[in-house]
Amino acid sequence: MFHKELGPINLSELDLNVREDRLLWESLYGKTAKGDLECLECRENDPGCPQWMFLRLWKGRPVAVHYSTGRRHATAPESPRHTGP
């Protein structure tokens, strides 16, 4: 995910048993608003169409989740900002 002030953060590398990682998580979890966190993959593939994310714990692990339910990453060549006619 991409934090608007901190830049890219790889949540899969966070270890909540490590003090620095736990402090980072605690500084973000429950303290971000819609627009603070963006999907890094979507940001790279289609920078004009941000996909906002929120944080949660899933099975004890920190994860970032799309606000858009059912959101899937684009598979070329269609853009994630596909619009109807």
C-alpha atoms as a PDB file:
ATOM      1  CA  MET A   1       0.000   0.000   0.000  1.00  0.00           C
ATOM      2  CA  PHE A   2       0.989   3.632  -0.362  1.00  0.00           C
ATOM      3  CA  HIS A   3       0.585   6.084   2.530  1.00  0.00           C
ATOM      4  CA  LYS A   4       0.171   9.713   1.447  1.00  0.00           C
ATOM      5  CA  GLU A   5       2.919  10.899   3.836  1.00  0.00           C
ATOM      6  CA  LEU A   6       5.079   7.817   4.466  1.00  0.00           C
ATOM      7  CA  GLY A   7       5.163   6.435   0.925  1.00  0.00           C
ATOM      8  CA  PRO A   8       5.144   2.694   0.118  1.00  0.00           C
ATOM      9  CA  ILE A   9       4.665   0.289   3.033  1.00  0.00           C
ATOM     10  CA  ASN A  10       4.813  -3.481   2.628  1.00  0.00           C
ATOM     11  CA  LEU A  11       2.501  -4.871   5.298  1.00  0.00           C
ATOM     12  CA  SER A  12       3.549  -8.447   4.560  1.00  0.00           C
ATOM     13  CA  GLU A  13       6.988  -7.554   5.937  1.00  0.00           C
ATOM     14  CA  LEU A  14       5.647  -6.163   9.226  1.00  0.00           C
ATOM     15  CA  ASP A  15       6.277  -8.304  12.284  1.00  0.00           C
ATOM     16  CA  LEU A  16       4.072  -7.086  15.118  1.00  0.00           C
ATOM     17  CA  ASN A  17       6.448  -8.754  17.590  1.00  0.00           C
ATOM     18  CA  VAL A  18       9.184  -6.312  16.550  1.00  0.00           C
ATOM     19  CA  ARG A  19       8.899  -3.001  18.409  1.00  0.00           C
ATOM     20  CA  GLU A  20       9.508  -0.697  15.412  1.00  0.00           C
ATOM     21  CA  ASP A  21       6.985  -2.562  13.251  1.00  0.00           C
ATOM     22  CA  ARG A  22       4.422  -2.618  16.062  1.00  0.00           C
ATOM     23  CA  LEU A  23       4.841   1.148  16.599  1.00  0.00           C
ATOM     24  CA  LEU A  24       4.347   1.806  12.876  1.00  0.00           C
ATOM     25  CA  TRP A  25       1.214  -0.354  12.854  1.00  0.00           C
ATOM     26  CA  GLU A  26      -0.150   1.351  15.966  1.00  0.00           C
ATOM     27  CA  SER A  27       0.477   4.771  14.412  1.00  0.00           C
ATOM     28  CA  LEU A  28      -1.651   3.807  11.389  1.00  0.00           C
ATOM     29  CA  TYR A  29      -4.296   1.319  12.551  1.00  0.00           C
ATOM     30  CA  GLY A  30      -7.562   3.110  13.225  1.00  0.00           C
ATOM     31  CA  LYS A  31      -5.926   6.474  12.584  1.00  0.00           C
ATOM     32  CA  THR A  32      -6.181   6.797   8.817  1.00  0.00           C
ATOM     33  CA  ALA A  33      -9.015   8.317   6.811  1.00  0.00           C
ATOM     34  CA  LYS A  34     -10.227   7.413   3.351  1.00  0.00           C
ATOM     35  CA  GLY A  35      -7.658   8.940   1.005  1.00  0.00           C
ATOM     36  CA  ASP A  36      -4.668   8.318   3.281  1.00  0.00           C
ATOM     37  CA  LEU A  37      -3.904   4.813   1.957  1.00  0.00           C
ATOM     38  CA  GLU A  38      -3.833   3.837  -1.687  1.00  0.00           C
ATOM     39  CA  CYS A  39      -3.352   0.500  -3.395  1.00  0.00           C
ATOM     40  CA  LEU A  40       0.243   0.540  -4.611  1.00  0.00           C
ATOM     41  CA  GLU A  41      -0.423  -1.842  -7.497  1.00  0.00           C
ATOM     42  CA  CYS A  42      -3.381   0.209  -8.732  1.00  0.00           C
ATOM     43  CA  ARG A  43      -1.357   3.406  -8.251  1.00  0.00           C
ATOM     44  CA  GLU A  44       1.409   2.054 -10.472  1.00  0.00           C
ATOM     45  CA  ASN A  45      -0.907   0.598 -13.118  1.00  0.00           C
ATOM     46  CA  ASP A  46      -3.375   3.489 -13.337  1.00  0.00           C
ATOM     47  CA  PRO A  47      -2.184   6.585 -11.442  1.00  0.00           C
ATOM     48  CA  GLY A  48      -5.193   8.674 -12.509  1.00  0.00           C
ATOM     49  CA  CYS A  49      -7.645   6.381 -10.747  1.00  0.00           C
ATOM     50  CA  PRO A  50      -6.736   5.952  -7.063  1.00  0.00           C
ATOM     51  CA  GLN A  51      -8.086   2.946  -5.180  1.00  0.00           C
ATOM     52  CA  TRP A  52      -8.318   3.775  -1.474  1.00  0.00           C
ATOM     53  CA  MET A  53      -7.637   1.210   1.213  1.00  0.00           C
ATOM     54  CA  PHE A  54      -8.181   0.710   4.923  1.00  0.00           C
ATOM     55  CA  LEU A  55      -6.312  -1.386   7.468  1.00  0.00           C
ATOM     56  CA  ARG A  56      -7.462  -4.386   9.444  1.00  0.00           C
ATOM     57  CA  LEU A  57      -6.102  -7.402  11.230  1.00  0.00           C
ATOM     58  CA  TRP A  58      -6.862 -10.724   9.582  1.00  0.00           C
ATOM     59  CA  LYS A  59      -5.872 -13.869  11.448  1.00  0.00           C
ATOM     60  CA  GLY A  60      -3.506 -11.736  13.516  1.00  0.00           C
ATOM     61  CA  ARG A  61      -1.755 -10.257  10.483  1.00  0.00           C
ATOM     62  CA  PRO A  62      -1.953  -6.630   9.320  1.00  0.00           C
ATOM     63  CA  VAL A  63      -3.591  -6.232   5.904  1.00  0.00           C
ATOM     64  CA  ALA A  64      -4.749  -3.397   3.681  1.00  0.00           C
ATOM     65  CA  VAL A  65      -8.174  -3.847   2.077  1.00  0.00           C
ATOM     66  CA  HIS A  66      -9.790  -2.000  -0.830  1.00  0.00           C
ATOM     67  CA  TYR A  67     -12.818   0.109   0.095  1.00  0.00           C
ATOM     68  CA  SER A  68     -14.329  -1.045  -3.210  1.00  0.00           C
ATOM     69  CA  THR A  69     -15.795  -4.455  -2.491  1.00  0.00           C
ATOM     70  CA  GLY A  70     -14.957  -7.021  -5.115  1.00  0.00           C
ATOM     71  CA  ARG A  71     -12.113  -4.868  -6.470  1.00  0.00           C
ATOM     72  CA  ARG A  72      -9.741  -6.886  -8.585  1.00  0.00           C
ATOM     73  CA  HIS A  73      -6.480  -5.776 -10.074  1.00  0.00           C
ATOM     74  CA  ALA A  74      -6.641  -5.058 -13.755  1.00  0.00           C
ATOM     75  CA  THR A  75      -5.353  -7.607 -16.195  1.00  0.00           C
ATOM     76  CA  ALA A  76      -4.110  -5.964 -19.376  1.00  0.00           C
ATOM     77  CA  PRO A  77      -5.247  -4.308 -21.517  1.00  0.00           C
ATOM     78  CA  GLU A  78      -8.389  -2.941 -19.761  1.00  0.00           C
ATOM     79  CA  SER A  79      -7.905  -0.015 -17.395  1.00  0.00           C
ATOM     80  CA  PRO A  80      -9.303  -0.147 -13.837  1.00  0.00           C
ATOM     81  CA  ARG A  81     -11.175   3.067 -14.599  1.00  0.00           C
ATOM     82  CA  HIS A  82     -13.164   1.338 -17.313  1.00  0.00           C
ATOM     83  CA  THR A  83     -16.338   3.299 -17.979  1.00  0.00           C
ATOM     84  CA  GLY A  84     -19.436   2.401 -19.876  1.00  0.00           C
ATOM     85  CA  PRO A  85     -20.571   4.090 -23.113  1.00  0.00           C
END
